[in-house]
Amino acid sequence: MTYGQEIKNARKKFTTLTQNDLAFRLGITQGLLSLYESDKQEPPQEIKEILQRMLGVAPHYTSKKYNDQQQKVIAEFAKLIEAINSEKDIPKIEVKVIYN
């Protein structure tokens, strides 16, 4: 079972929390939690530690695609993009992060 699957299973099995509820308690967006649960993004270590305390999901120490600082930057961009209301004629934003 992947780490994301463990998060989702523990959330559903041991709590009545929805993704929105858990995301609020973690201080992240529901969309970001969805990325964690679907293994499309790995949570930073501090979120893993909170999940361990809240749900009993042990952190996986795997090779990461991004370090914790990069994860924080990506999370902030995700929050910004989710905050944009496309119905108000706000131009779309495309973000490209390049690491040297």
C-alpha atoms as a PDB file:
ATOM      1  CA  MET A   1       0.000   0.000   0.000  1.00  0.00           C
ATOM      2  CA  THR A   2       1.322   3.447  -0.874  1.00  0.00           C
ATOM      3  CA  TYR A   3       1.689   6.263   1.639  1.00  0.00           C
ATOM      4  CA  GLY A   4      -1.192   8.169   0.052  1.00  0.00           C
ATOM      5  CA  GLN A   5      -3.447   5.121   0.267  1.00  0.00           C
ATOM      6  CA  GLU A   6      -2.507   4.721   3.938  1.00  0.00           C
ATOM      7  CA  ILE A   7      -3.518   8.335   4.635  1.00  0.00           C
ATOM      8  CA  LYS A   8      -6.856   7.917   2.870  1.00  0.00           C
ATOM      9  CA  ASN A   9      -7.618   4.545   4.480  1.00  0.00           C
ATOM     10  CA  ALA A  10      -6.769   5.785   7.987  1.00  0.00           C
ATOM     11  CA  ARG A  11      -8.851   8.938   7.505  1.00  0.00           C
ATOM     12  CA  LYS A  12     -11.875   6.900   6.463  1.00  0.00           C
ATOM     13  CA  LYS A  13     -11.399   3.970   8.857  1.00  0.00           C
ATOM     14  CA  PHE A  14     -10.496   5.736  12.090  1.00  0.00           C
ATOM     15  CA  THR A  15     -12.218   9.112  11.767  1.00  0.00           C
ATOM     16  CA  THR A  16     -15.307  10.732  10.309  1.00  0.00           C
ATOM     17  CA  LEU A  17     -13.172  13.482   8.780  1.00  0.00           C
ATOM     18  CA  THR A  18     -13.736  14.470   5.184  1.00  0.00           C
ATOM     19  CA  GLN A  19     -10.843  15.657   3.049  1.00  0.00           C
ATOM     20  CA  ASN A  20     -11.975  19.227   3.737  1.00  0.00           C
ATOM     21  CA  ASP A  21     -12.005  18.628   7.513  1.00  0.00           C
ATOM     22  CA  LEU A  22      -8.559  17.040   7.600  1.00  0.00           C
ATOM     23  CA  ALA A  23      -7.090  19.627   5.238  1.00  0.00           C
ATOM     24  CA  PHE A  24      -8.399  22.407   7.491  1.00  0.00           C
ATOM     25  CA  ARG A  25      -6.798  20.786  10.539  1.00  0.00           C
ATOM     26  CA  LEU A  26      -3.510  20.431   8.651  1.00  0.00           C
ATOM     27  CA  GLY A  27      -3.624  24.046   7.452  1.00  0.00           C
ATOM     28  CA  ILE A  28      -3.618  23.050   3.783  1.00  0.00           C
ATOM     29  CA  THR A  29      -6.180  23.023   0.999  1.00  0.00           C
ATOM     30  CA  GLN A  30      -8.437  20.081   0.201  1.00  0.00           C
ATOM     31  CA  GLY A  31      -6.841  19.941  -3.245  1.00  0.00           C
ATOM     32  CA  LEU A  32      -3.389  19.521  -1.753  1.00  0.00           C
ATOM     33  CA  LEU A  33      -4.600  16.756   0.566  1.00  0.00           C
ATOM     34  CA  SER A  34      -6.130  15.060  -2.465  1.00  0.00           C
ATOM     35  CA  LEU A  35      -2.710  15.165  -4.155  1.00  0.00           C
ATOM     36  CA  TYR A  36      -1.179  13.519  -1.081  1.00  0.00           C
ATOM     37  CA  GLU A  37      -3.855  10.804  -0.932  1.00  0.00           C
ATOM     38  CA  SER A  38      -3.484  10.033  -4.638  1.00  0.00           C
ATOM     39  CA  ASP A  39       0.338   9.939  -4.391  1.00  0.00           C
ATOM     40  CA  LYS A  40       0.705  12.761  -6.897  1.00  0.00           C
ATOM     41  CA  GLN A  41       2.667  14.813  -4.383  1.00  0.00           C
ATOM     42  CA  GLU A  42       4.577  13.808  -1.287  1.00  0.00           C
ATOM     43  CA  PRO A  43       3.805  15.761   1.882  1.00  0.00           C
ATOM     44  CA  PRO A  44       6.628  17.599   3.634  1.00  0.00           C
ATOM     45  CA  GLN A  45       8.038  15.981   6.762  1.00  0.00           C
ATOM     46  CA  GLU A  46       6.126  18.271   9.144  1.00  0.00           C
ATOM     47  CA  ILE A  47       2.783  17.225   7.599  1.00  0.00           C
ATOM     48  CA  LYS A  48       3.838  13.567   7.789  1.00  0.00           C
ATOM     49  CA  GLU A  49       4.522  13.980  11.501  1.00  0.00           C
ATOM     50  CA  ILE A  50       1.115  15.583  12.084  1.00  0.00           C
ATOM     51  CA  LEU A  51      -0.578  12.788  10.128  1.00  0.00           C
ATOM     52  CA  GLN A  52       1.216  10.263  12.303  1.00  0.00           C
ATOM     53  CA  ARG A  53      -0.101  11.926  15.461  1.00  0.00           C
ATOM     54  CA  MET A  54      -3.633  12.406  14.103  1.00  0.00           C
ATOM     55  CA  LEU A  55      -4.168   9.189  12.157  1.00  0.00           C
ATOM     56  CA  GLY A  56      -1.385   6.850  13.219  1.00  0.00           C
ATOM     57  CA  VAL A  57       0.050   6.795   9.699  1.00  0.00           C
ATOM     58  CA  ALA A  58       3.806   6.295  10.009  1.00  0.00           C
ATOM     59  CA  PRO A  59       5.896   8.587   7.814  1.00  0.00           C
ATOM     60  CA  HIS A  60       7.554   6.924   4.865  1.00  0.00           C
ATOM     61  CA  TYR A  61      11.133   7.893   4.400  1.00  0.00           C
ATOM     62  CA  THR A  62      11.430   7.599   0.648  1.00  0.00           C
ATOM     63  CA  SER A  63      13.530   9.398  -1.885  1.00  0.00           C
ATOM     64  CA  LYS A  64      11.709  12.606  -2.564  1.00  0.00           C
ATOM     65  CA  LYS A  65      11.220  14.307  -5.871  1.00  0.00           C
ATOM     66  CA  TYR A  66      11.280  17.661  -4.036  1.00  0.00           C
ATOM     67  CA  ASN A  67      12.826  18.720  -0.740  1.00  0.00           C
ATOM     68  CA  ASP A  68      10.690  20.237   2.038  1.00  0.00           C
ATOM     69  CA  GLN A  69      11.377  23.836   0.997  1.00  0.00           C
ATOM     70  CA  GLN A  70      10.377  23.072  -2.586  1.00  0.00           C
ATOM     71  CA  GLN A  71       7.242  21.315  -1.286  1.00  0.00           C
ATOM     72  CA  LYS A  72       6.314  24.484   0.651  1.00  0.00           C
ATOM     73  CA  VAL A  73       6.719  26.631  -2.465  1.00  0.00           C
ATOM     74  CA  ILE A  74       4.592  24.213  -4.500  1.00  0.00           C
ATOM     75  CA  ALA A  75       1.933  24.172  -1.763  1.00  0.00           C
ATOM     76  CA  GLU A  76       1.776  27.980  -1.743  1.00  0.00           C
ATOM     77  CA  PHE A  77       1.372  28.044  -5.528  1.00  0.00           C
ATOM     78  CA  ALA A  78      -1.399  25.440  -5.258  1.00  0.00           C
ATOM     79  CA  LYS A  79      -3.211  27.620  -2.683  1.00  0.00           C
ATOM     80  CA  LEU A  80      -2.831  30.677  -4.917  1.00  0.00           C
ATOM     81  CA  ILE A  81      -4.143  28.871  -7.976  1.00  0.00           C
ATOM     82  CA  GLU A  82      -7.125  27.441  -6.049  1.00  0.00           C
ATOM     83  CA  ALA A  83      -7.955  30.932  -4.762  1.00  0.00           C
ATOM     84  CA  ILE A  84      -8.357  32.304  -8.268  1.00  0.00           C
ATOM     85  CA  ASN A  85     -11.993  32.434  -9.311  1.00  0.00           C
ATOM     86  CA  SER A  86     -12.110  31.752 -13.051  1.00  0.00           C
ATOM     87  CA  GLU A  87     -15.614  33.256 -13.313  1.00  0.00           C
ATOM     88  CA  LYS A  88     -14.326  36.785 -12.675  1.00  0.00           C
ATOM     89  CA  ASP A  89     -12.318  37.223 -15.883  1.00  0.00           C
ATOM     90  CA  ILE A  90      -9.030  36.845 -14.049  1.00  0.00           C
ATOM     91  CA  PRO A  91      -6.282  35.811 -16.441  1.00  0.00           C
ATOM     92  CA  LYS A  92      -4.992  32.293 -16.037  1.00  0.00           C
ATOM     93  CA  ILE A  93      -1.594  31.910 -14.452  1.00  0.00           C
ATOM     94  CA  GLU A  94       0.972  29.411 -15.615  1.00  0.00           C
ATOM     95  CA  VAL A  95       3.828  28.764 -13.254  1.00  0.00           C
ATOM     96  CA  LYS A  96       7.025  27.038 -14.272  1.00  0.00           C
ATOM     97  CA  VAL A  97       9.629  26.272 -11.636  1.00  0.00           C
ATOM     98  CA  ILE A  98      13.122  25.520 -12.900  1.00  0.00           C
ATOM     99  CA  TYR A  99      15.840  24.167 -10.623  1.00  0.00           C
ATOM    100  CA  ASN A 100      19.462  24.421 -11.659  1.00  0.00           C
END
